[in-house]
C-alpha atoms as a PDB file:
ATOM      1  CA  UNK A   1      18.216  -0.563 -18.568  1.00  0.00           C
ATOM      2  CA  UNK A   2      15.945   1.992 -16.915  1.00  0.00           C
ATOM      3  CA  UNK A   3      15.662   2.015 -13.138  1.00  0.00           C
ATOM      4  CA  UNK A   4      12.300   1.273 -11.593  1.00  0.00           C
ATOM      5  CA  UNK A   5      10.202   4.174 -10.398  1.00  0.00           C
ATOM      6  CA  UNK A   6       7.219   4.483  -8.057  1.00  0.00           C
ATOM      7  CA  UNK A   7       4.836   3.707 -10.909  1.00  0.00           C
ATOM      8  CA  UNK A   8       6.656   0.463 -11.737  1.00  0.00           C
ATOM      9  CA  UNK A   9       6.626  -0.636  -8.100  1.00  0.00           C
ATOM     10  CA  UNK A  10       2.942   0.248  -7.774  1.00  0.00           C
ATOM     11  CA  UNK A  11       2.051  -1.944 -10.756  1.00  0.00           C
ATOM     12  CA  UNK A  12       4.261  -4.798  -9.585  1.00  0.00           C
ATOM     13  CA  UNK A  13       2.858  -4.755  -6.056  1.00  0.00           C
ATOM     14  CA  UNK A  14      -0.716  -4.480  -7.334  1.00  0.00           C
ATOM     15  CA  UNK A  15      -0.126  -7.551  -9.533  1.00  0.00           C
ATOM     16  CA  UNK A  16       1.409  -9.524  -6.648  1.00  0.00           C
ATOM     17  CA  UNK A  17      -1.471  -8.638  -4.329  1.00  0.00           C
ATOM     18  CA  UNK A  18      -4.083  -9.609  -6.921  1.00  0.00           C
ATOM     19  CA  UNK A  19      -2.343 -12.997  -7.187  1.00  0.00           C
ATOM     20  CA  UNK A  20      -2.431 -13.349  -3.390  1.00  0.00           C
ATOM     21  CA  UNK A  21       1.355 -13.152  -3.070  1.00  0.00           C
ATOM     22  CA  UNK A  22       1.319 -11.006   0.040  1.00  0.00           C
ATOM     23  CA  UNK A  23       4.836 -11.922   1.190  1.00  0.00           C
ATOM     24  CA  UNK A  24       6.312 -11.121  -2.229  1.00  0.00           C
ATOM     25  CA  UNK A  25       4.416  -7.825  -2.348  1.00  0.00           C
ATOM     26  CA  UNK A  26       5.673  -6.803   1.074  1.00  0.00           C
ATOM     27  CA  UNK A  27       9.230  -7.865   0.184  1.00  0.00           C
ATOM     28  CA  UNK A  28       9.018  -5.671  -2.910  1.00  0.00           C
ATOM     29  CA  UNK A  29       7.711  -2.781  -0.783  1.00  0.00           C
ATOM     30  CA  UNK A  30      10.542  -3.197   1.736  1.00  0.00           C
ATOM     31  CA  UNK A  31      13.122  -3.367  -1.046  1.00  0.00           C
ATOM     32  CA  UNK A  32      11.670  -0.228  -2.605  1.00  0.00           C
ATOM     33  CA  UNK A  33      12.055   1.548   0.738  1.00  0.00           C
ATOM     34  CA  UNK A  34      15.756   0.664   0.734  1.00  0.00           C
ATOM     35  CA  UNK A  35      16.167   2.609  -2.523  1.00  0.00           C
ATOM     36  CA  UNK A  36      15.806   6.351  -2.944  1.00  0.00           C
ATOM     37  CA  UNK A  37      12.330   6.025  -4.491  1.00  0.00           C
ATOM     38  CA  UNK A  38       9.795   8.138  -2.609  1.00  0.00           C
ATOM     39  CA  UNK A  39       6.359   6.758  -1.842  1.00  0.00           C
ATOM     40  CA  UNK A  40       3.266   8.816  -2.512  1.00  0.00           C
ATOM     41  CA  UNK A  41      -0.395   8.868  -1.598  1.00  0.00           C
ATOM     42  CA  UNK A  42      -1.431   6.834  -4.649  1.00  0.00           C
ATOM     43  CA  UNK A  43       1.118   4.141  -3.844  1.00  0.00           C
ATOM     44  CA  UNK A  44      -0.258   3.790  -0.320  1.00  0.00           C
ATOM     45  CA  UNK A  45      -3.828   3.710  -1.659  1.00  0.00           C
ATOM     46  CA  UNK A  46      -2.898   0.798  -3.936  1.00  0.00           C
ATOM     47  CA  UNK A  47      -1.041  -1.061  -1.215  1.00  0.00           C
ATOM     48  CA  UNK A  48      -3.650  -0.637   1.522  1.00  0.00           C
ATOM     49  CA  UNK A  49      -6.558  -1.451  -0.795  1.00  0.00           C
ATOM     50  CA  UNK A  50      -4.774  -4.531  -2.166  1.00  0.00           C
ATOM     51  CA  UNK A  51      -4.002  -5.802   1.320  1.00  0.00           C
ATOM     52  CA  UNK A  52      -7.600  -5.257   2.397  1.00  0.00           C
ATOM     53  CA  UNK A  53      -8.877  -7.285  -0.556  1.00  0.00           C
ATOM     54  CA  UNK A  54      -6.621 -10.109   0.618  1.00  0.00           C
ATOM     55  CA  UNK A  55      -8.043  -9.696   4.142  1.00  0.00           C
ATOM     56  CA  UNK A  56      -4.655  -8.598   5.492  1.00  0.00           C
ATOM     57  CA  UNK A  57      -6.202  -5.967   7.730  1.00  0.00           C
ATOM     58  CA  UNK A  58      -3.354  -5.774  10.241  1.00  0.00           C
ATOM     59  CA  UNK A  59      -0.779  -5.069   7.516  1.00  0.00           C
ATOM     60  CA  UNK A  60      -3.115  -2.572   5.874  1.00  0.00           C
ATOM     61  CA  UNK A  61      -3.587  -0.788   9.205  1.00  0.00           C
ATOM     62  CA  UNK A  62       0.176  -0.652   9.787  1.00  0.00           C
ATOM     63  CA  UNK A  63       0.571   1.045   6.408  1.00  0.00           C
ATOM     64  CA  UNK A  64      -2.233   3.457   7.262  1.00  0.00           C
ATOM     65  CA  UNK A  65      -0.285   4.359  10.405  1.00  0.00           C
ATOM     66  CA  UNK A  66       2.821   4.905   8.257  1.00  0.00           C
ATOM     67  CA  UNK A  67       0.797   7.266   6.066  1.00  0.00           C
ATOM     68  CA  UNK A  68      -0.350   9.114   9.161  1.00  0.00           C
ATOM     69  CA  UNK A  69       3.138   9.407  10.614  1.00  0.00           C
ATOM     70  CA  UNK A  70       4.510  10.731   7.310  1.00  0.00           C
ATOM     71  CA  UNK A  71       1.672  13.298   7.046  1.00  0.00           C
ATOM     72  CA  UNK A  72       0.313  12.257   3.656  1.00  0.00           C
ATOM     73  CA  UNK A  73      -2.695  14.225   2.473  1.00  0.00           C
ATOM     74  CA  UNK A  74      -5.848  12.248   1.776  1.00  0.00           C
ATOM     75  CA  UNK A  75      -8.094  12.373  -1.247  1.00  0.00           C
ATOM     76  CA  UNK A  76     -11.608  10.920  -1.554  1.00  0.00           C
ATOM     77  CA  UNK A  77     -10.243   7.516  -2.548  1.00  0.00           C
ATOM     78  CA  UNK A  78      -7.932   7.373   0.461  1.00  0.00           C
ATOM     79  CA  UNK A  79     -10.796   8.217   2.806  1.00  0.00           C
ATOM     80  CA  UNK A  80     -12.968   5.529   1.176  1.00  0.00           C
ATOM     81  CA  UNK A  81     -10.236   2.912   1.583  1.00  0.00           C
ATOM     82  CA  UNK A  82      -9.616   3.868   5.220  1.00  0.00           C
ATOM     83  CA  UNK A  83     -13.346   3.723   6.017  1.00  0.00           C
ATOM     84  CA  UNK A  84     -13.503   0.238   4.496  1.00  0.00           C
ATOM     85  CA  UNK A  85     -10.432  -0.791   6.471  1.00  0.00           C
ATOM     86  CA  UNK A  86     -11.891   0.449   9.760  1.00  0.00           C
ATOM     87  CA  UNK A  87     -15.200  -1.203   8.956  1.00  0.00           C
ATOM     88  CA  UNK A  88     -13.497  -4.538   8.336  1.00  0.00           C
ATOM     89  CA  UNK A  89     -11.544  -4.168  11.562  1.00  0.00           C
ATOM     90  CA  UNK A  90     -14.704  -3.222  13.524  1.00  0.00           C
ATOM     91  CA  UNK A  91     -13.170   0.110  14.587  1.00  0.00           C
END
């Protein structure tokens, strides 16, 4: 059986967030962190955007701060997501 990769976790977490299973999505994220799978900018975009759509702004902001602390580079989509997040948080 093939091990999961970042793409597999991204799809799984996106599915869980779309179903409103925030706790399961975050558990999956935390488990992924305990493995040697490296996160990337796209993964964070998916996670932050999915949390925002579920109105989990505090969690989304915490992940944004993680992105910042790990010096991820932003693309146009990341900037759009962060602007939406700040707007929803009245920042």
